[in-house]
């Protein structure tokens, strides 16, 4: 792994290198760049794969308030650092939030977007209250216990993978989650700007996602001017790229060869 000192941040990333079309992978909340290991392994021979830790996750620190517009700028600054002009943005959940904002703020840099269990909307009042309480408890220095199991079940839904991620969460300094939580809960709603996204978009969504129901993805697909399809993943929760990599990788490769 490497660190790029860009946009006032110290961004941890991996880069497969190569001359193929660049693909930048942006992870979901509580996750890190390793959640895309199976996609990078499958695609790196034909595409230049970059995965990075967003502010407050993995090995990228967070020191001040930020928005997903700032995160979009971070991703573009990382591309600048690597000498990449345009890339396909693949984002899972909050990674999709920033990828859509990159497509709006930097349309000349975004060759396409793949949204994995993501959305354009904002948190509801109920979500702000519920998730706010959940992640306040998350930051307490004690074993995650049932809370960890609940969150892992919601995001991953696979017992073996859940155990691996719970162990990773337990090993982290969870007190740093406050600012990323604020960014997540109080993000702006960009639904009414989806008609401005002028690049091709692929949507991949777990049919059993409880955090962002698949109906949200179906509604989003109708708002995009160049949606190349919605791939539903039977049996998958919020992170189908980890639990159902073959389905996701096939869909990704089919989309990328069209760009």
Protein backbone atom coordinates (compact mmCIF):
# COMPACT_ATOMS: atom_id res chain seq x y z
CA UNK A 1 0.00 0.00 0.00
CA UNK A 2 1.02 3.61 -0.62
CA UNK A 3 0.11 7.03 0.71
CA UNK A 4 -0.76 10.04 -1.42
CA UNK A 5 -0.50 13.43 0.28
CA UNK A 6 -3.16 15.22 -1.74
CA UNK A 7 -6.03 17.60 -1.15
CA UNK A 8 -4.72 18.21 2.37
CA UNK A 9 -5.16 14.51 3.18
CA UNK A 10 -2.91 11.48 3.61
CA UNK A 11 -4.76 8.92 1.52
CA UNK A 12 -3.89 5.25 1.76
CA UNK A 13 -4.32 3.38 -1.52
CA UNK A 14 -3.30 0.45 -3.69
CA UNK A 15 -2.71 0.63 -7.44
CA UNK A 16 -2.42 -2.43 -9.67
CA UNK A 17 -0.73 -0.36 -12.40
CA UNK A 18 -0.90 -1.16 -16.07
CA UNK A 19 -2.12 0.61 -19.20
CA UNK A 20 -5.78 -0.44 -19.13
CA UNK A 21 -8.82 1.67 -18.36
CA UNK A 22 -8.54 2.99 -14.79
CA UNK A 23 -11.11 1.88 -12.23
CA UNK A 24 -11.22 3.52 -8.80
CA UNK A 25 -12.96 1.56 -6.03
CA UNK A 26 -14.53 3.48 -3.12
CA UNK A 27 -15.67 1.49 -0.08
CA UNK A 28 -18.68 1.71 2.18
CA UNK A 29 -19.12 3.05 5.70
CA UNK A 30 -17.11 1.10 8.34
CA UNK A 31 -15.24 -0.72 5.58
CA UNK A 32 -11.87 -0.13 3.90
CA UNK A 33 -10.15 -0.71 0.58
CA UNK A 34 -9.75 -4.45 1.25
CA UNK A 35 -13.47 -4.99 0.69
CA UNK A 36 -12.69 -4.85 -3.04
CA UNK A 37 -9.87 -7.42 -2.98
CA UNK A 38 -11.88 -9.91 -5.02
CA UNK A 39 -12.75 -7.32 -7.67
CA UNK A 40 -9.15 -6.12 -7.99
CA UNK A 41 -7.90 -9.70 -8.27
CA UNK A 42 -10.40 -10.46 -11.03
CA UNK A 43 -9.92 -7.29 -13.07
CA UNK A 44 -6.29 -6.20 -12.63
CA UNK A 45 -4.99 -8.04 -15.70
CA UNK A 46 -7.18 -5.98 -18.02
CA UNK A 47 -7.83 -2.79 -16.07
CA UNK A 48 -5.80 -0.47 -13.84
CA UNK A 49 -7.43 -0.94 -10.44
CA UNK A 50 -7.08 1.65 -7.69
CA UNK A 51 -8.66 1.12 -4.27
CA UNK A 52 -8.39 3.65 -1.47
CA UNK A 53 -9.28 4.29 2.15
CA UNK A 54 -11.67 7.21 2.55
CA UNK A 55 -11.34 9.73 5.37
CA UNK A 56 -11.63 8.10 8.79
CA UNK A 57 -11.39 4.51 7.57
CA UNK A 58 -8.59 2.02 7.04
CA UNK A 59 -5.26 3.86 7.14
CA UNK A 60 -6.56 7.28 6.06
CA UNK A 61 -6.99 9.62 9.05
CA UNK A 62 -9.68 12.23 9.53
CA UNK A 63 -8.99 15.49 11.33
CA UNK A 64 -11.80 17.87 10.40
CA UNK A 65 -15.41 17.98 9.18
CA UNK A 66 -15.94 16.98 5.57
CA UNK A 67 -18.68 16.16 3.07
CA UNK A 68 -19.01 13.58 0.34
CA UNK A 69 -18.25 16.39 -2.11
CA UNK A 70 -14.87 16.63 -0.35
CA UNK A 71 -14.49 12.86 -0.67
CA UNK A 72 -15.21 13.14 -4.40
CA UNK A 73 -12.45 15.74 -4.60
CA UNK A 74 -10.15 13.35 -2.69
CA UNK A 75 -10.73 10.65 -5.30
CA UNK A 76 -10.02 13.02 -8.17
CA UNK A 77 -6.92 14.34 -6.40
CA UNK A 78 -5.72 10.74 -6.06
CA UNK A 79 -6.19 10.28 -9.80
CA UNK A 80 -4.15 13.45 -10.35
CA UNK A 81 -1.42 12.05 -8.11
CA UNK A 82 -1.34 8.89 -10.22
CA UNK A 83 -1.38 10.75 -13.53
CA UNK A 84 -4.78 9.37 -14.52
CA UNK A 85 -7.07 11.56 -16.59
CA UNK A 86 -10.33 9.60 -16.51
CA UNK A 87 -11.55 6.59 -14.58
CA UNK A 88 -14.63 4.53 -13.94
CA UNK A 89 -15.81 5.14 -10.38
CA UNK A 90 -17.04 2.01 -8.58
CA UNK A 91 -18.61 2.81 -5.23
CA UNK A 92 -20.30 0.68 -2.59
CA UNK A 93 -22.85 2.51 -0.40
CA UNK A 94 -21.04 5.70 0.77
CA UNK A 95 -18.50 5.01 -1.98
CA UNK A 96 -21.41 5.44 -4.36
CA UNK A 97 -22.39 8.70 -2.66
CA UNK A 98 -19.00 10.19 -3.46
CA UNK A 99 -18.88 8.62 -6.93
CA UNK A 100 -22.14 10.32 -7.95
CA UNK A 101 -20.82 13.61 -6.62
CA UNK A 102 -17.61 13.14 -8.59
CA UNK A 103 -19.70 12.63 -11.74
CA UNK A 104 -21.49 15.93 -11.02
CA UNK A 105 -18.48 17.99 -9.93
CA UNK A 106 -15.86 16.51 -12.27
CA UNK A 107 -17.71 15.13 -15.31
CA UNK A 108 -14.57 15.27 -17.47
CA UNK A 109 -12.81 12.86 -15.06
CA UNK A 110 -15.54 10.25 -14.71
CA UNK A 111 -15.81 7.76 -17.59
CA UNK A 112 -18.58 5.82 -15.88
CA UNK A 113 -20.08 4.98 -12.51
CA UNK A 114 -20.94 1.64 -10.93
CA UNK A 115 -23.17 1.90 -7.87
CA UNK A 116 -23.16 -1.07 -5.51
CA UNK A 117 -26.03 -0.82 -3.01
CA UNK A 118 -26.00 2.96 -3.01
CA UNK A 119 -28.41 5.84 -3.51
CA UNK A 120 -28.71 9.56 -4.25
CA UNK A 121 -30.95 10.49 -1.34
CA UNK A 122 -30.32 11.75 2.18
CA UNK A 123 -30.90 10.08 5.54
CA UNK A 124 -34.42 10.23 6.90
CA UNK A 125 -35.13 11.62 10.36
CA UNK A 126 -35.69 8.06 11.57
CA UNK A 127 -32.34 6.94 10.15
CA UNK A 128 -30.53 9.92 11.69
CA UNK A 129 -31.95 9.04 15.10
CA UNK A 130 -31.44 5.28 14.83
CA UNK A 131 -28.03 5.22 13.19
CA UNK A 132 -26.87 8.13 15.32
CA UNK A 133 -27.57 6.17 18.50
CA UNK A 134 -26.03 3.02 17.04
CA UNK A 135 -22.78 4.66 16.05
CA UNK A 136 -22.54 6.65 19.28
CA UNK A 137 -22.52 3.30 21.08
CA UNK A 138 -20.02 1.99 18.49
CA UNK A 139 -17.46 4.58 19.62
CA UNK A 140 -17.46 3.40 23.25
CA UNK A 141 -14.26 1.56 24.16
CA UNK A 142 -15.76 -1.83 24.92
CA UNK A 143 -16.38 -5.06 22.95
CA UNK A 144 -18.93 -4.58 20.20
CA UNK A 145 -20.86 -7.70 21.20
CA UNK A 146 -24.41 -7.87 19.85
CA UNK A 147 -24.03 -4.49 18.13
CA UNK A 148 -21.16 -5.79 16.04
CA UNK A 149 -23.17 -8.86 15.08
CA UNK A 150 -26.15 -6.72 14.10
CA UNK A 151 -24.13 -4.34 11.96
CA UNK A 152 -22.15 -7.14 10.31
CA UNK A 153 -25.38 -8.96 9.56
CA UNK A 154 -26.84 -5.87 7.96
CA UNK A 155 -23.79 -5.08 5.84
CA UNK A 156 -22.42 -8.54 5.07
CA UNK A 157 -24.89 -11.24 6.01
CA UNK A 158 -22.29 -14.03 5.90
CA UNK A 159 -21.14 -15.49 9.22
CA UNK A 160 -17.52 -16.17 8.28
CA UNK A 161 -16.95 -12.80 6.63
CA UNK A 162 -18.82 -11.09 9.46
CA UNK A 163 -16.46 -12.59 12.04
CA UNK A 164 -13.45 -11.34 10.08
CA UNK A 165 -14.79 -7.80 9.90
CA UNK A 166 -15.92 -7.72 13.53
CA UNK A 167 -12.37 -8.63 14.54
CA UNK A 168 -11.05 -5.82 12.35
CA UNK A 169 -13.52 -3.33 13.86
CA UNK A 170 -12.61 -4.44 17.38
CA UNK A 171 -8.91 -3.77 16.65
CA UNK A 172 -9.50 -0.21 15.45
CA UNK A 173 -9.67 3.02 17.42
CA UNK A 174 -13.42 3.50 17.07
CA UNK A 175 -13.40 6.91 18.73
CA UNK A 176 -12.46 8.44 15.37
CA UNK A 177 -15.86 7.56 13.88
CA UNK A 178 -17.63 10.75 14.99
CA UNK A 179 -16.89 12.89 11.95
CA UNK A 180 -17.53 10.18 9.32
CA UNK A 181 -20.85 9.49 11.07
CA UNK A 182 -21.83 13.16 10.79
CA UNK A 183 -20.92 13.10 7.11
CA UNK A 184 -23.06 10.01 6.54
CA UNK A 185 -26.11 11.11 8.53
CA UNK A 186 -26.28 14.71 7.32
CA UNK A 187 -25.36 14.30 3.64
CA UNK A 188 -27.28 16.37 1.13
CA UNK A 189 -29.95 14.92 -1.14
CA UNK A 190 -28.83 14.99 -4.79
CA UNK A 191 -31.76 13.04 -6.22
CA UNK A 192 -32.98 16.03 -8.23
CA UNK A 193 -29.57 16.28 -9.94
CA UNK A 194 -29.46 12.74 -11.32
CA UNK A 195 -30.48 14.01 -14.75
CA UNK A 196 -27.16 15.87 -14.86
CA UNK A 197 -25.09 12.67 -14.62
CA UNK A 198 -24.03 12.32 -18.25
CA UNK A 199 -21.82 9.22 -18.06
CA UNK A 200 -22.97 5.59 -18.28
CA UNK A 201 -24.05 4.07 -14.97
CA UNK A 202 -24.45 0.46 -13.86
CA UNK A 203 -26.37 -0.38 -10.70
CA UNK A 204 -25.67 -3.57 -8.75
CA UNK A 205 -27.82 -4.26 -5.70
CA UNK A 206 -28.37 -7.03 -3.18
CA UNK A 207 -31.96 -8.22 -3.11
CA UNK A 208 -31.84 -8.66 0.68
CA UNK A 209 -30.32 -5.24 1.46
CA UNK A 210 -31.96 -3.83 4.59
CA UNK A 211 -29.93 -0.60 4.73
CA UNK A 212 -30.86 0.58 1.22
CA UNK A 213 -33.79 -1.46 -0.17
CA UNK A 214 -33.57 -2.52 -3.79
CA UNK A 215 -36.65 -0.42 -4.55
CA UNK A 216 -34.47 2.64 -3.98
CA UNK A 217 -32.08 1.40 -6.66
CA UNK A 218 -34.96 0.77 -9.05
CA UNK A 219 -36.20 4.34 -8.60
CA UNK A 220 -32.70 5.73 -9.11
CA UNK A 221 -32.28 3.79 -12.36
CA UNK A 222 -35.33 5.59 -13.75
CA UNK A 223 -33.76 9.00 -13.07
CA UNK A 224 -30.45 8.38 -14.86
CA UNK A 225 -30.14 9.29 -18.52
CA UNK A 226 -27.70 6.49 -19.36
CA UNK A 227 -28.33 3.63 -16.95
CA UNK A 228 -26.91 0.47 -18.50
CA UNK A 229 -28.87 -1.83 -16.24
CA UNK A 230 -29.72 -2.87 -12.72
CA UNK A 231 -28.17 -6.18 -11.67
CA UNK A 232 -30.01 -7.62 -8.69
CA UNK A 233 -28.08 -10.14 -6.62
CA UNK A 234 -30.30 -12.80 -5.03
CA UNK A 235 -29.50 -13.59 -1.42
CA UNK A 236 -27.09 -10.66 -1.05
CA UNK A 237 -27.26 -8.04 1.68
CA UNK A 238 -25.55 -4.63 1.55
CA UNK A 239 -22.13 -5.76 0.25
CA UNK A 240 -22.70 -8.21 -2.61
CA UNK A 241 -19.20 -7.62 -3.98
CA UNK A 242 -17.85 -9.49 -0.94
CA UNK A 243 -20.48 -12.22 -0.56
CA UNK A 244 -21.30 -12.81 -4.25
CA UNK A 245 -18.11 -11.79 -6.07
CA UNK A 246 -18.66 -13.88 -9.19
CA UNK A 247 -21.97 -12.18 -9.98
CA UNK A 248 -20.58 -8.73 -9.26
CA UNK A 249 -17.32 -9.30 -11.14
CA UNK A 250 -19.12 -10.55 -14.24
CA UNK A 251 -21.39 -7.51 -14.24
CA UNK A 252 -18.44 -5.17 -13.69
CA UNK A 253 -16.39 -6.65 -16.50
CA UNK A 254 -19.33 -6.55 -18.89
CA UNK A 255 -19.82 -2.87 -18.13
CA UNK A 256 -16.15 -1.92 -18.29
CA UNK A 257 -15.53 -3.44 -21.72
CA UNK A 258 -18.27 -1.15 -23.09
CA UNK A 259 -16.61 2.07 -21.85
